[in-house]
Amino acid sequence: EETKRDFLRAREVASRKERTTLTHGQTFHRVVKFYLDRNDP
């Protein structure tokens, strides 16, 4: 349950940053790409 809450929070933060309401799919896309960009040389 806490992971779901964190994901919804990530959606809220990303939506605010991009000034639009992101779908769950868009949020998932950004989270995955962000992690790879930071951790996969």
PDB file of all heavy atoms in Angstrom:
ATOM      1  N   GLU A   1       0.820  -1.199   0.000  1.00  0.00           N
ATOM      2  CA  GLU A   1       0.000   0.000   0.000  1.00  0.00           C
ATOM      3  C   GLU A   1       0.862   1.261   0.000  1.00  0.00           C
ATOM      4  O   GLU A   1       0.548   2.239  -0.671  1.00  0.00           O
ATOM      5  CB  GLU A   1      -0.928  -0.009   1.222  1.00  0.00           C
ATOM      6  CG  GLU A   1      -1.915   1.154   1.269  1.00  0.00           C
ATOM      7  CD  GLU A   1      -2.897   1.143   0.117  1.00  0.00           C
ATOM      8  OE1 GLU A   1      -3.269   0.045  -0.342  1.00  0.00           O
ATOM      9  OE2 GLU A   1      -3.298   2.244  -0.324  1.00  0.00           O
ATOM     10  N   GLU A   2       1.958   1.237   0.743  1.00  0.00           N
ATOM     11  CA  GLU A   2       2.819   2.420   0.800  1.00  0.00           C
ATOM     12  C   GLU A   2       3.471   2.700  -0.553  1.00  0.00           C
ATOM     13  O   GLU A   2       3.679   3.867  -0.915  1.00  0.00           O
ATOM     14  CB  GLU A   2       3.898   2.252   1.874  1.00  0.00           C
ATOM     15  CG  GLU A   2       4.882   1.124   1.595  1.00  0.00           C
ATOM     16  CD  GLU A   2       5.903   0.964   2.714  1.00  0.00           C
ATOM     17  OE1 GLU A   2       6.945   1.639   2.671  1.00  0.00           O
ATOM     18  OE2 GLU A   2       5.640   0.152   3.621  1.00  0.00           O
ATOM     19  N   THR A   3       3.760   1.641  -1.313  1.00  0.00           N
ATOM     20  CA  THR A   3       4.342   1.834  -2.640  1.00  0.00           C
ATOM     21  C   THR A   3       3.334   2.487  -3.567  1.00  0.00           C
ATOM     22  O   THR A   3       3.681   3.356  -4.375  1.00  0.00           O
ATOM     23  CB  THR A   3       4.800   0.488  -3.237  1.00  0.00           C
ATOM     24  OG1 THR A   3       5.718  -0.140  -2.336  1.00  0.00           O
ATOM     25  CG2 THR A   3       5.482   0.692  -4.582  1.00  0.00           C
ATOM     26  N   LYS A   4       2.078   2.084  -3.456  1.00  0.00           N
ATOM     27  CA  LYS A   4       1.033   2.713  -4.263  1.00  0.00           C
ATOM     28  C   LYS A   4       0.910   4.189  -3.914  1.00  0.00           C
ATOM     29  O   LYS A   4       0.804   5.044  -4.810  1.00  0.00           O
ATOM     30  CB  LYS A   4      -0.307   2.008  -4.028  1.00  0.00           C
ATOM     31  CG  LYS A   4      -1.461   2.624  -4.817  1.00  0.00           C
ATOM     32  CD  LYS A   4      -2.769   1.913  -4.535  1.00  0.00           C
ATOM     33  CE  LYS A   4      -3.917   2.587  -5.285  1.00  0.00           C
ATOM     34  NZ  LYS A   4      -5.216   1.909  -5.017  1.00  0.00           N
ATOM     35  N   ARG A   5       0.945   4.497  -2.615  1.00  0.00           N
ATOM     36  CA  ARG A   5       0.870   5.905  -2.204  1.00  0.00           C
ATOM     37  C   ARG A   5       2.058   6.693  -2.751  1.00  0.00           C
ATOM     38  O   ARG A   5       1.901   7.836  -3.200  1.00  0.00           O
ATOM     39  CB  ARG A   5       0.822   6.015  -0.679  1.00  0.00           C
ATOM     40  CG  ARG A   5      -0.490   5.559  -0.050  1.00  0.00           C
ATOM     41  CD  ARG A   5      -0.601   6.056   1.376  1.00  0.00           C
ATOM     42  NE  ARG A   5       0.483   5.546   2.202  1.00  0.00           N
ATOM     43  CZ  ARG A   5       0.413   4.430   2.911  1.00  0.00           C
ATOM     44  NH1 ARG A   5      -0.689   3.695   2.892  1.00  0.00           N
ATOM     45  NH2 ARG A   5       1.427   4.039   3.651  1.00  0.00           N
ATOM     46  N   ASP A   6       3.250   6.071  -2.709  1.00  0.00           N
ATOM     47  CA  ASP A   6       4.449   6.743  -3.225  1.00  0.00           C
ATOM     48  C   ASP A   6       4.330   6.993  -4.727  1.00  0.00           C
ATOM     49  O   ASP A   6       4.743   8.040  -5.232  1.00  0.00           O
ATOM     50  CB  ASP A   6       5.696   5.916  -2.931  1.00  0.00           C
ATOM     51  CG  ASP A   6       6.044   5.883  -1.454  1.00  0.00           C
ATOM     52  OD1 ASP A   6       5.515   6.731  -0.705  1.00  0.00           O
ATOM     53  OD2 ASP A   6       6.836   5.011  -1.046  1.00  0.00           O
ATOM     54  N   PHE A   7       3.764   6.017  -5.448  1.00  0.00           N
ATOM     55  CA  PHE A   7       3.604   6.185  -6.892  1.00  0.00           C
ATOM     56  C   PHE A   7       2.645   7.334  -7.199  1.00  0.00           C
ATOM     57  O   PHE A   7       2.901   8.155  -8.085  1.00  0.00           O
ATOM     58  CB  PHE A   7       3.078   4.886  -7.518  1.00  0.00           C
ATOM     59  CG  PHE A   7       2.802   4.991  -8.991  1.00  0.00           C
ATOM     60  CD1 PHE A   7       3.838   4.965  -9.916  1.00  0.00           C
ATOM     61  CD2 PHE A   7       1.501   5.137  -9.455  1.00  0.00           C
ATOM     62  CE1 PHE A   7       3.586   5.074 -11.278  1.00  0.00           C
ATOM     63  CE2 PHE A   7       1.239   5.247 -10.811  1.00  0.00           C
ATOM     64  CZ  PHE A   7       2.287   5.213 -11.722  1.00  0.00           C
ATOM     65  N   LEU A   8       1.543   7.386  -6.465  1.00  0.00           N
ATOM     66  CA  LEU A   8       0.585   8.479  -6.679  1.00  0.00           C
ATOM     67  C   LEU A   8       1.204   9.827  -6.318  1.00  0.00           C
ATOM     68  O   LEU A   8       0.920  10.839  -6.964  1.00  0.00           O
ATOM     69  CB  LEU A   8      -0.675   8.230  -5.849  1.00  0.00           C
ATOM     70  CG  LEU A   8      -1.493   6.995  -6.254  1.00  0.00           C
ATOM     71  CD1 LEU A   8      -2.682   6.816  -5.321  1.00  0.00           C
ATOM     72  CD2 LEU A   8      -1.957   7.102  -7.702  1.00  0.00           C
ATOM     73  N   ARG A   9       2.081   9.816  -5.307  1.00  0.00           N
ATOM     74  CA  ARG A   9       2.776  11.046  -4.955  1.00  0.00           C
ATOM     75  C   ARG A   9       3.738  11.443  -6.077  1.00  0.00           C
ATOM     76  O   ARG A   9       3.848  12.629  -6.425  1.00  0.00           O
ATOM     77  CB  ARG A   9       3.540  10.849  -3.645  1.00  0.00           C
ATOM     78  CG  ARG A   9       4.431  12.029  -3.233  1.00  0.00           C
ATOM     79  CD  ARG A   9       3.623  13.295  -3.037  1.00  0.00           C
ATOM     80  NE  ARG A   9       4.472  14.387  -2.599  1.00  0.00           N
ATOM     81  CZ  ARG A   9       4.123  15.656  -2.585  1.00  0.00           C
ATOM     82  NH1 ARG A   9       2.898  16.007  -2.980  1.00  0.00           N
ATOM     83  NH2 ARG A   9       4.943  16.591  -2.174  1.00  0.00           N
ATOM     84  N   ALA A  10       4.418  10.449  -6.653  1.00  0.00           N
ATOM     85  CA  ALA A  10       5.322  10.730  -7.770  1.00  0.00           C
ATOM     86  C   ALA A  10       4.547  11.310  -8.942  1.00  0.00           C
ATOM     87  O   ALA A  10       5.010  12.235  -9.628  1.00  0.00           O
ATOM     88  CB  ALA A  10       6.046   9.448  -8.200  1.00  0.00           C
ATOM     89  N   ARG A  11       3.356  10.786  -9.178  1.00  0.00           N
ATOM     90  CA  ARG A  11       2.506  11.328 -10.251  1.00  0.00           C
ATOM     91  C   ARG A  11       2.140  12.780  -9.976  1.00  0.00           C
ATOM     92  O   ARG A  11       2.169  13.625 -10.874  1.00  0.00           O
ATOM     93  CB  ARG A  11       1.246  10.478 -10.372  1.00  0.00           C
ATOM     94  CG  ARG A  11       0.309  10.931 -11.482  1.00  0.00           C
ATOM     95  CD  ARG A  11      -1.020  10.230 -11.403  1.00  0.00           C
ATOM     96  NE  ARG A  11      -1.918  10.656 -12.483  1.00  0.00           N
ATOM     97  CZ  ARG A  11      -3.234  10.575 -12.427  1.00  0.00           C
ATOM     98  NH1 ARG A  11      -3.816  10.065 -11.345  1.00  0.00           N
ATOM     99  NH2 ARG A  11      -3.977  10.983 -13.429  1.00  0.00           N
ATOM    100  N   GLU A  12       1.799  13.054  -8.733  1.00  0.00           N
ATOM    101  CA  GLU A  12       1.425  14.418  -8.349  1.00  0.00           C
ATOM    102  C   GLU A  12       2.595  15.384  -8.556  1.00  0.00           C
ATOM    103  O   GLU A  12       2.423  16.472  -9.116  1.00  0.00           O
ATOM    104  CB  GLU A  12       0.983  14.439  -6.888  1.00  0.00           C
ATOM    105  CG  GLU A  12       0.568  15.803  -6.378  1.00  0.00           C
ATOM    106  CD  GLU A  12       0.172  15.772  -4.912  1.00  0.00           C
ATOM    107  OE1 GLU A  12      -0.181  14.683  -4.412  1.00  0.00           O
ATOM    108  OE2 GLU A  12       0.244  16.833  -4.258  1.00  0.00           O
ATOM    109  N   VAL A  13       3.796  14.963  -8.107  1.00  0.00           N
ATOM    110  CA  VAL A  13       4.985  15.819  -8.236  1.00  0.00           C
ATOM    111  C   VAL A  13       5.327  16.046  -9.705  1.00  0.00           C
ATOM    112  O   VAL A  13       5.606  17.175 -10.135  1.00  0.00           O
ATOM    113  CB  VAL A  13       6.179  15.188  -7.490  1.00  0.00           C
ATOM    114  CG1 VAL A  13       7.473  15.950  -7.789  1.00  0.00           C
ATOM    115  CG2 VAL A  13       5.922  15.173  -5.989  1.00  0.00           C
ATOM    116  N   ALA A  14       5.305  14.963 -10.502  1.00  0.00           N
ATOM    117  CA  ALA A  14       5.647  15.078 -11.920  1.00  0.00           C
ATOM    118  C   ALA A  14       4.624  15.927 -12.662  1.00  0.00           C
ATOM    119  O   ALA A  14       4.974  16.726 -13.535  1.00  0.00           O
ATOM    120  CB  ALA A  14       5.740  13.690 -12.544  1.00  0.00           C
ATOM    121  N   SER A  15       3.351  15.762 -12.310  1.00  0.00           N
ATOM    122  CA  SER A  15       2.298  16.555 -12.962  1.00  0.00           C
ATOM    123  C   SER A  15       2.474  18.036 -12.650  1.00  0.00           C
ATOM    124  O   SER A  15       2.317  18.894 -13.525  1.00  0.00           O
ATOM    125  CB  SER A  15       0.919  16.083 -12.491  1.00  0.00           C
ATOM    126  OG  SER A  15       0.658  14.757 -12.901  1.00  0.00           O
ATOM    127  N   ARG A  16       2.806  18.330 -11.403  1.00  0.00           N
ATOM    128  CA  ARG A  16       3.002  19.723 -11.019  1.00  0.00           C
ATOM    129  C   ARG A  16       4.195  20.320 -11.767  1.00  0.00           C
ATOM    130  O   ARG A  16       4.137  21.457 -12.233  1.00  0.00           O
ATOM    131  CB  ARG A  16       3.227  19.826  -9.512  1.00  0.00           C
ATOM    132  CG  ARG A  16       3.278  21.279  -9.008  1.00  0.00           C
ATOM    133  CD  ARG A  16       3.600  21.344  -7.526  1.00  0.00           C
ATOM    134  NE  ARG A  16       2.684  20.521  -6.750  1.00  0.00           N
ATOM    135  CZ  ARG A  16       3.080  19.546  -5.927  1.00  0.00           C
ATOM    136  NH1 ARG A  16       4.364  19.278  -5.804  1.00  0.00           N
ATOM    137  NH2 ARG A  16       2.189  18.866  -5.247  1.00  0.00           N
ATOM    138  N   LYS A  17       5.257  19.541 -11.896  1.00  0.00           N
ATOM    139  CA  LYS A  17       6.456  20.034 -12.573  1.00  0.00           C
ATOM    140  C   LYS A  17       6.199  20.309 -14.052  1.00  0.00           C
ATOM    141  O   LYS A  17       6.679  21.293 -14.617  1.00  0.00           O
ATOM    142  CB  LYS A  17       7.601  19.032 -12.430  1.00  0.00           C
ATOM    143  CG  LYS A  17       8.888  19.485 -13.106  1.00  0.00           C
ATOM    144  CD  LYS A  17      10.022  18.516 -12.849  1.00  0.00           C
ATOM    145  CE  LYS A  17      11.297  19.020 -13.523  1.00  0.00           C
ATOM    146  NZ  LYS A  17      12.446  18.122 -13.254  1.00  0.00           N
ATOM    147  N   GLU A  18       5.402  19.438 -14.681  1.00  0.00           N
ATOM    148  CA  GLU A  18       5.133  19.590 -16.112  1.00  0.00           C
ATOM    149  C   GLU A  18       3.875  20.420 -16.387  1.00  0.00           C
ATOM    150  O   GLU A  18       3.494  20.619 -17.535  1.00  0.00           O
ATOM    151  CB  GLU A  18       5.022  18.209 -16.767  1.00  0.00           C
ATOM    152  CG  GLU A  18       6.306  17.398 -16.625  1.00  0.00           C
ATOM    153  CD  GLU A  18       6.305  16.146 -17.464  1.00  0.00           C
ATOM    154  OE1 GLU A  18       5.624  16.148 -18.519  1.00  0.00           O
ATOM    155  OE2 GLU A  18       6.986  15.179 -17.081  1.00  0.00           O
ATOM    156  N   ARG A  19       3.222  20.851 -15.316  1.00  0.00           N
ATOM    157  CA  ARG A  19       2.039  21.702 -15.419  1.00  0.00           C
ATOM    158  C   ARG A  19       0.942  21.072 -16.268  1.00  0.00           C
ATOM    159  O   ARG A  19       0.289  21.728 -17.071  1.00  0.00           O
ATOM    160  CB  ARG A  19       2.420  23.076 -15.974  1.00  0.00           C
ATOM    161  CG  ARG A  19       3.377  23.839 -15.070  1.00  0.00           C
ATOM    162  CD  ARG A  19       3.687  25.211 -15.608  1.00  0.00           C
ATOM    163  NE  ARG A  19       4.583  25.932 -14.683  1.00  0.00           N
ATOM    164  CZ  ARG A  19       5.009  27.172 -14.895  1.00  0.00           C
ATOM    165  NH1 ARG A  19       4.622  27.840 -15.974  1.00  0.00           N
ATOM    166  NH2 ARG A  19       5.811  27.756 -14.023  1.00  0.00           N
ATOM    167  N   THR A  20       0.749  19.780 -16.066  1.00  0.00           N
ATOM    168  CA  THR A  20      -0.329  19.047 -16.715  1.00  0.00           C
ATOM    169  C   THR A  20      -0.598  17.800 -15.905  1.00  0.00           C
ATOM    170  O   THR A  20       0.265  17.373 -15.123  1.00  0.00           O
ATOM    171  CB  THR A  20       0.030  18.666 -18.161  1.00  0.00           C
ATOM    172  OG1 THR A  20      -1.121  18.091 -18.797  1.00  0.00           O
ATOM    173  CG2 THR A  20       1.165  17.647 -18.207  1.00  0.00           C
ATOM    174  N   THR A  21      -1.779  17.235 -16.026  1.00  0.00           N
ATOM    175  CA  THR A  21      -2.100  16.022 -15.281  1.00  0.00           C
ATOM    176  C   THR A  21      -1.644  14.802 -16.063  1.00  0.00           C
ATOM    177  O   THR A  21      -2.182  14.504 -17.139  1.00  0.00           O
ATOM    178  CB  THR A  21      -3.617  15.929 -15.017  1.00  0.00           C
ATOM    179  OG1 THR A  21      -4.036  17.087 -14.281  1.00  0.00           O
ATOM    180  CG2 THR A  21      -3.938  14.686 -14.202  1.00  0.00           C
ATOM    181  N   LEU A  22      -0.634  14.110 -15.548  1.00  0.00           N
ATOM    182  CA  LEU A  22      -0.102  12.930 -16.218  1.00  0.00           C
ATOM    183  C   LEU A  22      -0.978  11.711 -15.934  1.00  0.00           C
ATOM    184  O   LEU A  22      -1.544  11.583 -14.851  1.00  0.00           O
ATOM    185  CB  LEU A  22       1.319  12.639 -15.745  1.00  0.00           C
ATOM    186  CG  LEU A  22       2.378  13.730 -15.974  1.00  0.00           C
ATOM    187  CD1 LEU A  22       3.715  13.292 -15.400  1.00  0.00           C
ATOM    188  CD2 LEU A  22       2.517  14.046 -17.459  1.00  0.00           C
ATOM    189  N   THR A  23      -1.064  10.811 -16.899  1.00  0.00           N
ATOM    190  CA  THR A  23      -1.745   9.541 -16.672  1.00  0.00           C
ATOM    191  C   THR A  23      -0.806   8.637 -15.875  1.00  0.00           C
ATOM    192  O   THR A  23       0.380   8.922 -15.710  1.00  0.00           O
ATOM    193  CB  THR A  23      -2.090   8.853 -17.995  1.00  0.00           C
ATOM    194  OG1 THR A  23      -0.867   8.489 -18.666  1.00  0.00           O
ATOM    195  CG2 THR A  23      -2.907   9.771 -18.911  1.00  0.00           C
ATOM    196  N   HIS A  24      -1.345   7.531 -15.390  1.00  0.00           N
ATOM    197  CA  HIS A  24      -0.502   6.560 -14.687  1.00  0.00           C
ATOM    198  C   HIS A  24       0.574   6.022 -15.623  1.00  0.00           C
ATOM    199  O   HIS A  24       1.710   5.776 -15.197  1.00  0.00           O
ATOM    200  CB  HIS A  24      -1.351   5.417 -14.142  1.00  0.00           C
ATOM    201  CG  HIS A  24      -2.208   5.821 -12.982  1.00  0.00           C
ATOM    202  ND1 HIS A  24      -3.015   4.935 -12.303  1.00  0.00           N
ATOM    203  CD2 HIS A  24      -2.385   7.019 -12.369  1.00  0.00           C
ATOM    204  CE1 HIS A  24      -3.650   5.566 -11.328  1.00  0.00           C
ATOM    205  NE2 HIS A  24      -3.287   6.828 -11.356  1.00  0.00           N
ATOM    206  N   GLY A  25       0.202   5.813 -16.893  1.00  0.00           N
ATOM    207  CA  GLY A  25       1.169   5.307 -17.862  1.00  0.00           C
ATOM    208  C   GLY A  25       2.312   6.278 -18.098  1.00  0.00           C
ATOM    209  O   GLY A  25       3.477   5.881 -18.163  1.00  0.00           O
ATOM    210  N   GLN A  26       1.996   7.551 -18.223  1.00  0.00           N
ATOM    211  CA  GLN A  26       3.034   8.568 -18.397  1.00  0.00           C
ATOM    212  C   GLN A  26       3.936   8.627 -17.175  1.00  0.00           C
ATOM    213  O   GLN A  26       5.157   8.764 -17.301  1.00  0.00           O
ATOM    214  CB  GLN A  26       2.394   9.931 -18.629  1.00  0.00           C
ATOM    215  CG  GLN A  26       1.773  10.118 -19.996  1.00  0.00           C
ATOM    216  CD  GLN A  26       1.071  11.464 -20.107  1.00  0.00           C
ATOM    217  OE1 GLN A  26       0.109  11.723 -19.389  1.00  0.00           O
ATOM    218  NE2 GLN A  26       1.558  12.318 -20.989  1.00  0.00           N
ATOM    219  N   THR A  27       3.347   8.533 -15.999  1.00  0.00           N
ATOM    220  CA  THR A  27       4.139   8.566 -14.774  1.00  0.00           C
ATOM    221  C   THR A  27       5.075   7.372 -14.694  1.00  0.00           C
ATOM    222  O   THR A  27       6.262   7.503 -14.362  1.00  0.00           O
ATOM    223  CB  THR A  27       3.212   8.573 -13.540  1.00  0.00           C
ATOM    224  OG1 THR A  27       2.301   9.664 -13.635  1.00  0.00           O
ATOM    225  CG2 THR A  27       4.017   8.695 -12.262  1.00  0.00           C
ATOM    226  N   PHE A  28       4.565   6.191 -15.006  1.00  0.00           N
ATOM    227  CA  PHE A  28       5.389   4.978 -14.991  1.00  0.00           C
ATOM    228  C   PHE A  28       6.564   5.124 -15.957  1.00  0.00           C
ATOM    229  O   PHE A  28       7.707   4.769 -15.635  1.00  0.00           O
ATOM    230  CB  PHE A  28       4.527   3.771 -15.369  1.00  0.00           C
ATOM    231  CG  PHE A  28       5.238   2.449 -15.276  1.00  0.00           C
ATOM    232  CD1 PHE A  28       5.442   1.852 -14.051  1.00  0.00           C
ATOM    233  CD2 PHE A  28       5.694   1.809 -16.420  1.00  0.00           C
ATOM    234  CE1 PHE A  28       6.106   0.630 -13.959  1.00  0.00           C
ATOM    235  CE2 PHE A  28       6.350   0.597 -16.353  1.00  0.00           C
ATOM    236  CZ  PHE A  28       6.559   0.004 -15.109  1.00  0.00           C
ATOM    237  N   HIS A  29       6.284   5.644 -17.138  1.00  0.00           N
ATOM    238  CA  HIS A  29       7.321   5.869 -18.153  1.00  0.00           C
ATOM    239  C   HIS A  29       8.432   6.764 -17.603  1.00  0.00           C
ATOM    240  O   HIS A  29       9.619   6.470 -17.752  1.00  0.00           O
ATOM    241  CB  HIS A  29       6.684   6.507 -19.385  1.00  0.00           C
ATOM    242  CG  HIS A  29       7.646   6.937 -20.439  1.00  0.00           C
ATOM    243  ND1 HIS A  29       8.158   6.068 -21.382  1.00  0.00           N
ATOM    244  CD2 HIS A  29       8.203   8.150 -20.703  1.00  0.00           C
ATOM    245  CE1 HIS A  29       8.975   6.722 -22.182  1.00  0.00           C
ATOM    246  NE2 HIS A  29       9.025   7.992 -21.790  1.00  0.00           N
ATOM    247  N   ARG A  30       8.062   7.851 -16.941  1.00  0.00           N
ATOM    248  CA  ARG A  30       9.042   8.795 -16.425  1.00  0.00           C
ATOM    249  C   ARG A  30       9.851   8.221 -15.277  1.00  0.00           C
ATOM    250  O   ARG A  30      11.063   8.443 -15.174  1.00  0.00           O
ATOM    251  CB  ARG A  30       8.342  10.093 -16.002  1.00  0.00           C
ATOM    252  CG  ARG A  30       7.987  10.968 -17.205  1.00  0.00           C
ATOM    253  CD  ARG A  30       6.824  11.886 -16.893  1.00  0.00           C
ATOM    254  NE  ARG A  30       6.552  12.813 -17.991  1.00  0.00           N
ATOM    255  CZ  ARG A  30       5.967  12.476 -19.133  1.00  0.00           C
ATOM    256  NH1 ARG A  30       5.603  11.211 -19.336  1.00  0.00           N
ATOM    257  NH2 ARG A  30       5.752  13.379 -20.080  1.00  0.00           N
ATOM    258  N   VAL A  31       9.185   7.456 -14.404  1.00  0.00           N
ATOM    259  CA  VAL A  31       9.892   6.861 -13.270  1.00  0.00           C
ATOM    260  C   VAL A  31      10.944   5.863 -13.754  1.00  0.00           C
ATOM    261  O   VAL A  31      12.087   5.857 -13.281  1.00  0.00           O
ATOM    262  CB  VAL A  31       8.885   6.182 -12.313  1.00  0.00           C
ATOM    263  CG1 VAL A  31       9.618   5.333 -11.276  1.00  0.00           C
ATOM    264  CG2 VAL A  31       8.034   7.228 -11.603  1.00  0.00           C
ATOM    265  N   VAL A  32      10.563   5.015 -14.703  1.00  0.00           N
ATOM    266  CA  VAL A  32      11.493   4.014 -15.225  1.00  0.00           C
ATOM    267  C   VAL A  32      12.679   4.681 -15.917  1.00  0.00           C
ATOM    268  O   VAL A  32      13.852   4.329 -15.679  1.00  0.00           O
ATOM    269  CB  VAL A  32      10.774   3.058 -16.197  1.00  0.00           C
ATOM    270  CG1 VAL A  32      11.782   2.169 -16.923  1.00  0.00           C
ATOM    271  CG2 VAL A  32       9.770   2.202 -15.439  1.00  0.00           C
ATOM    272  N   LYS A  33      12.413   5.647 -16.790  1.00  0.00           N
ATOM    273  CA  LYS A  33      13.489   6.314 -17.506  1.00  0.00           C
ATOM    274  C   LYS A  33      14.395   7.093 -16.544  1.00  0.00           C
ATOM    275  O   LYS A  33      15.617   7.146 -16.724  1.00  0.00           O
ATOM    276  CB  LYS A  33      12.899   7.266 -18.560  1.00  0.00           C
ATOM    277  CG  LYS A  33      12.143   6.550 -19.668  1.00  0.00           C
ATOM    278  CD  LYS A  33      13.072   5.618 -20.452  1.00  0.00           C
ATOM    279  CE  LYS A  33      12.423   5.109 -21.725  1.00  0.00           C
ATOM    280  NZ  LYS A  33      11.291   4.199 -21.427  1.00  0.00           N
ATOM    281  N   PHE A  34      13.797   7.696 -15.518  1.00  0.00           N
ATOM    282  CA  PHE A  34      14.581   8.444 -14.540  1.00  0.00           C
ATOM    283  C   PHE A  34      15.539   7.520 -13.809  1.00  0.00           C
ATOM    284  O   PHE A  34      16.723   7.837 -13.608  1.00  0.00           O
ATOM    285  CB  PHE A  34      13.642   9.139 -13.548  1.00  0.00           C
ATOM    286  CG  PHE A  34      14.345   9.908 -12.468  1.00  0.00           C
ATOM    287  CD1 PHE A  34      14.851  11.175 -12.723  1.00  0.00           C
ATOM    288  CD2 PHE A  34      14.500   9.367 -11.206  1.00  0.00           C
ATOM    289  CE1 PHE A  34      15.499  11.892 -11.737  1.00  0.00           C
ATOM    290  CE2 PHE A  34      15.150  10.077 -10.217  1.00  0.00           C
ATOM    291  CZ  PHE A  34      15.654  11.337 -10.465  1.00  0.00           C
ATOM    292  N   TYR A  35      15.053   6.323 -13.413  1.00  0.00           N
ATOM    293  CA  TYR A  35      15.905   5.377 -12.686  1.00  0.00           C
ATOM    294  C   TYR A  35      17.058   4.888 -13.568  1.00  0.00           C
ATOM    295  O   TYR A  35      18.214   4.831 -13.132  1.00  0.00           O
ATOM    296  CB  TYR A  35      15.070   4.185 -12.215  1.00  0.00           C
ATOM    297  CG  TYR A  35      15.860   3.225 -11.351  1.00  0.00           C
ATOM    298  CD1 TYR A  35      15.953   3.414  -9.979  1.00  0.00           C
ATOM    299  CD2 TYR A  35      16.514   2.131 -11.923  1.00  0.00           C
ATOM    300  CE1 TYR A  35      16.689   2.552  -9.188  1.00  0.00           C
ATOM    301  CE2 TYR A  35      17.254   1.261 -11.137  1.00  0.00           C
ATOM    302  CZ  TYR A  35      17.343   1.469  -9.763  1.00  0.00           C
ATOM    303  OH  TYR A  35      18.082   0.615  -8.994  1.00  0.00           O
ATOM    304  N   LEU A  36      16.747   4.536 -14.815  1.00  0.00           N
ATOM    305  CA  LEU A  36      17.796   4.063 -15.718  1.00  0.00           C
ATOM    306  C   LEU A  36      18.826   5.163 -15.989  1.00  0.00           C
ATOM    307  O   LEU A  36      20.032   4.910 -16.045  1.00  0.00           O
ATOM    308  CB  LEU A  36      17.177   3.590 -17.040  1.00  0.00           C
ATOM    309  CG  LEU A  36      16.374   2.292 -16.971  1.00  0.00           C
ATOM    310  CD1 LEU A  36      15.696   2.023 -18.306  1.00  0.00           C
ATOM    311  CD2 LEU A  36      17.259   1.120 -16.578  1.00  0.00           C
ATOM    312  N   ASP A  37      18.356   6.359 -16.144  1.00  0.00           N
ATOM    313  CA  ASP A  37      19.256   7.473 -16.417  1.00  0.00           C
ATOM    314  C   ASP A  37      20.224   7.698 -15.256  1.00  0.00           C
ATOM    315  O   ASP A  37      21.385   8.042 -15.464  1.00  0.00           O
ATOM    316  CB  ASP A  37      18.441   8.736 -16.679  1.00  0.00           C
ATOM    317  CG  ASP A  37      19.306   9.891 -17.118  1.00  0.00           C
ATOM    318  OD1 ASP A  37      20.097   9.711 -18.059  1.00  0.00           O
ATOM    319  OD2 ASP A  37      19.193  10.976 -16.510  1.00  0.00           O
ATOM    320  N   ARG A  38      19.739   7.485 -14.053  1.00  0.00           N
ATOM    321  CA  ARG A  38      20.567   7.716 -12.868  1.00  0.00           C
ATOM    322  C   ARG A  38      21.458   6.526 -12.518  1.00  0.00           C
ATOM    323  O   ARG A  38      22.514   6.710 -11.887  1.00  0.00           O
ATOM    324  CB  ARG A  38      19.669   8.030 -11.657  1.00  0.00           C
ATOM    325  CG  ARG A  38      18.995   9.392 -11.704  1.00  0.00           C
ATOM    326  CD  ARG A  38      20.027  10.522 -11.709  1.00  0.00           C
ATOM    327  NE  ARG A  38      19.423  11.834 -11.639  1.00  0.00           N
ATOM    328  CZ  ARG A  38      19.141  12.481 -10.510  1.00  0.00           C
ATOM    329  NH1 ARG A  38      19.415  11.934  -9.350  1.00  0.00           N
ATOM    330  NH2 ARG A  38      18.587  13.682 -10.556  1.00  0.00           N
ATOM    331  N   ASN A  39      21.067   5.306 -12.882  1.00  0.00           N
ATOM    332  CA  ASN A  39      21.746   4.123 -12.346  1.00  0.00           C
ATOM    333  C   ASN A  39      22.316   3.154 -13.369  1.00  0.00           C
ATOM    334  O   ASN A  39      22.979   2.198 -12.977  1.00  0.00           O
ATOM    335  CB  ASN A  39      20.768   3.360 -11.437  1.00  0.00           C
ATOM    336  CG  ASN A  39      20.315   4.174 -10.254  1.00  0.00           C
ATOM    337  OD1 ASN A  39      21.044   4.328  -9.273  1.00  0.00           O
ATOM    338  ND2 ASN A  39      19.100   4.720 -10.328  1.00  0.00           N
ATOM    339  N   ASP A  40      22.068   3.363 -14.647  1.00  0.00           N
ATOM    340  CA  ASP A  40      22.542   2.421 -15.661  1.00  0.00           C
ATOM    341  C   ASP A  40      23.480   3.127 -16.630  1.00  0.00           C
ATOM    342  O   ASP A  40      23.029   3.804 -17.564  1.00  0.00           O
ATOM    343  CB  ASP A  40      21.351   1.822 -16.408  1.00  0.00           C
ATOM    344  CG  ASP A  40      21.768   0.707 -17.363  1.00  0.00           C
ATOM    345  OD1 ASP A  40      22.982   0.514 -17.566  1.00  0.00           O
ATOM    346  OD2 ASP A  40      20.869   0.031 -17.896  1.00  0.00           O
ATOM    347  N   PRO A  41      24.818   2.981 -16.453  1.00  0.00           N
ATOM    348  CA  PRO A  41      25.771   3.637 -17.354  1.00  0.00           C
ATOM    349  C   PRO A  41      25.591   3.216 -18.804  1.00  0.00           C
ATOM    350  O   PRO A  41      25.763   4.019 -19.724  1.00  0.00           O
ATOM    351  CB  PRO A  41      27.132   3.177 -16.809  1.00  0.00           C
ATOM    352  CG  PRO A  41      26.865   2.802 -15.384  1.00  0.00           C
ATOM    353  CD  PRO A  41      25.483   2.235 -15.378  1.00  0.00           C
TER     354      PRO A  41
END
